Amino acid sequence: MKGFRRAQLRGSEELFRPTDDTEPRQEVMAVAVPAEVRTVPAAPDPNQRSVRLNDIEIEVLADAVQHLKFPHQQSGRPSMERFEQLEALRQKLLSNL
């Protein structure tokens, strides 16, 4: 093919270096922590609230938010069991006011 230039593979010698080193290497890699990841405080700030939810409560809350975002995609009312779970979750959230 005329005019085709092959790119040089720089750094490929690292791929083919011998692995039978007599001294073990200890390499430390720095891990960048994303800005949105933060530690959980022991107690919330005075202007914030903290509520502990189990997996089922989180699922119920996520389903409720999904239904609010897209009401035309969901079918009618929730089942009686789901309704009771929503009410219990609502009471739990409101009790922390």
Protein backbone atom coordinates (compact mmCIF):
# COMPACT_ATOMS: atom_id res chain seq x y z
CA MET A 1 0.00 0.00 0.00
CA LYS A 2 1.64 3.19 -1.15
CA GLY A 3 1.81 6.03 1.35
CA PHE A 4 0.97 3.84 4.34
CA ARG A 5 3.25 4.52 7.30
CA ARG A 6 3.40 2.09 10.15
CA ALA A 7 3.25 3.68 13.60
CA GLN A 8 6.20 2.98 15.83
CA LEU A 9 5.45 1.01 18.95
CA ARG A 10 7.21 2.92 21.67
CA GLY A 11 7.41 1.25 25.03
CA SER A 12 6.97 -2.26 23.67
CA GLU A 13 10.31 -3.28 25.15
CA GLU A 14 8.57 -3.16 28.54
CA LEU A 15 6.20 -5.89 27.33
CA PHE A 16 9.06 -8.20 26.46
CA ARG A 17 11.38 -7.60 29.41
CA PRO A 18 12.64 -10.69 31.24
CA THR A 19 10.55 -11.67 34.27
CA ASP A 20 13.16 -13.68 36.14
CA ASP A 21 14.41 -10.80 38.30
CA THR A 22 16.47 -11.92 41.26
CA GLU A 23 15.22 -9.07 43.44
CA PRO A 24 11.49 -8.75 43.95
CA ARG A 25 10.17 -5.37 42.89
CA GLN A 26 7.83 -3.42 45.05
CA GLU A 27 5.93 -0.90 43.02
CA VAL A 28 3.43 1.37 44.66
CA MET A 29 0.69 2.71 42.49
CA ALA A 30 -1.14 5.86 43.47
CA VAL A 31 -4.90 5.55 43.23
CA ALA A 32 -6.83 8.68 42.40
CA VAL A 33 -10.00 8.99 44.48
CA PRO A 34 -12.87 10.64 42.58
CA ALA A 35 -14.13 13.90 44.05
CA GLU A 36 -17.67 12.53 44.59
CA VAL A 37 -16.39 9.78 46.90
CA ARG A 38 -16.24 10.92 50.50
CA THR A 39 -16.22 9.32 53.88
CA VAL A 40 -19.41 8.94 55.86
CA PRO A 41 -19.38 11.24 58.87
CA ALA A 42 -20.05 9.83 62.31
CA ALA A 43 -22.90 12.30 62.76
CA PRO A 44 -24.62 14.47 60.15
CA ASP A 45 -24.03 18.20 60.05
CA PRO A 46 -26.65 20.28 61.87
CA ASN A 47 -28.31 21.23 58.57
CA GLN A 48 -28.42 17.61 57.30
CA ARG A 49 -30.22 14.42 58.26
CA SER A 50 -29.04 10.84 58.12
CA VAL A 51 -31.36 7.89 57.58
CA ARG A 52 -30.26 4.26 57.43
CA LEU A 53 -32.13 2.24 54.81
CA ASN A 54 -31.94 -1.48 54.16
CA ASP A 55 -31.84 -2.99 50.66
CA ILE A 56 -35.60 -3.46 50.42
CA GLU A 57 -36.29 0.15 51.44
CA ILE A 58 -33.81 1.42 48.86
CA GLU A 59 -35.49 -0.70 46.18
CA VAL A 60 -38.93 0.61 47.16
CA LEU A 61 -37.64 4.19 47.09
CA ALA A 62 -35.98 3.69 43.70
CA ASP A 63 -39.20 2.21 42.27
CA ALA A 64 -41.20 5.16 43.62
CA VAL A 65 -38.82 7.66 42.05
CA GLN A 66 -38.97 5.74 38.75
CA HIS A 67 -42.77 5.88 38.87
CA LEU A 68 -42.69 9.62 39.55
CA LYS A 69 -40.31 10.22 36.65
CA PHE A 70 -42.24 8.10 34.16
CA PRO A 71 -45.88 7.78 35.30
CA HIS A 72 -47.14 6.84 31.84
CA GLN A 73 -44.91 3.74 31.67
CA GLN A 74 -46.09 2.19 34.93
CA SER A 75 -49.37 0.37 35.28
CA GLY A 76 -51.85 1.95 37.68
CA ARG A 77 -51.57 1.61 41.42
CA PRO A 78 -49.01 -0.39 43.38
CA SER A 79 -49.98 -3.69 45.01
CA MET A 80 -51.19 -3.63 48.60
CA GLU A 81 -47.85 -5.04 49.83
CA ARG A 82 -45.90 -2.37 47.91
CA PHE A 83 -48.29 0.31 49.15
CA GLU A 84 -47.66 -0.73 52.76
CA GLN A 85 -43.90 -0.73 52.16
CA LEU A 86 -44.14 2.79 50.70
CA GLU A 87 -46.18 3.98 53.68
CA ALA A 88 -43.72 2.47 56.17
CA LEU A 89 -40.85 4.13 54.31
CA ARG A 90 -42.70 7.45 54.25
CA GLN A 91 -43.27 7.24 58.01
CA LYS A 92 -39.61 6.38 58.60
CA LEU A 93 -38.44 9.36 56.54
CA LEU A 94 -40.90 11.76 58.15
CA SER A 95 -40.09 10.61 61.70
CA ASN A 96 -36.58 12.05 61.33
CA LEU A 97 -37.82 15.62 60.76
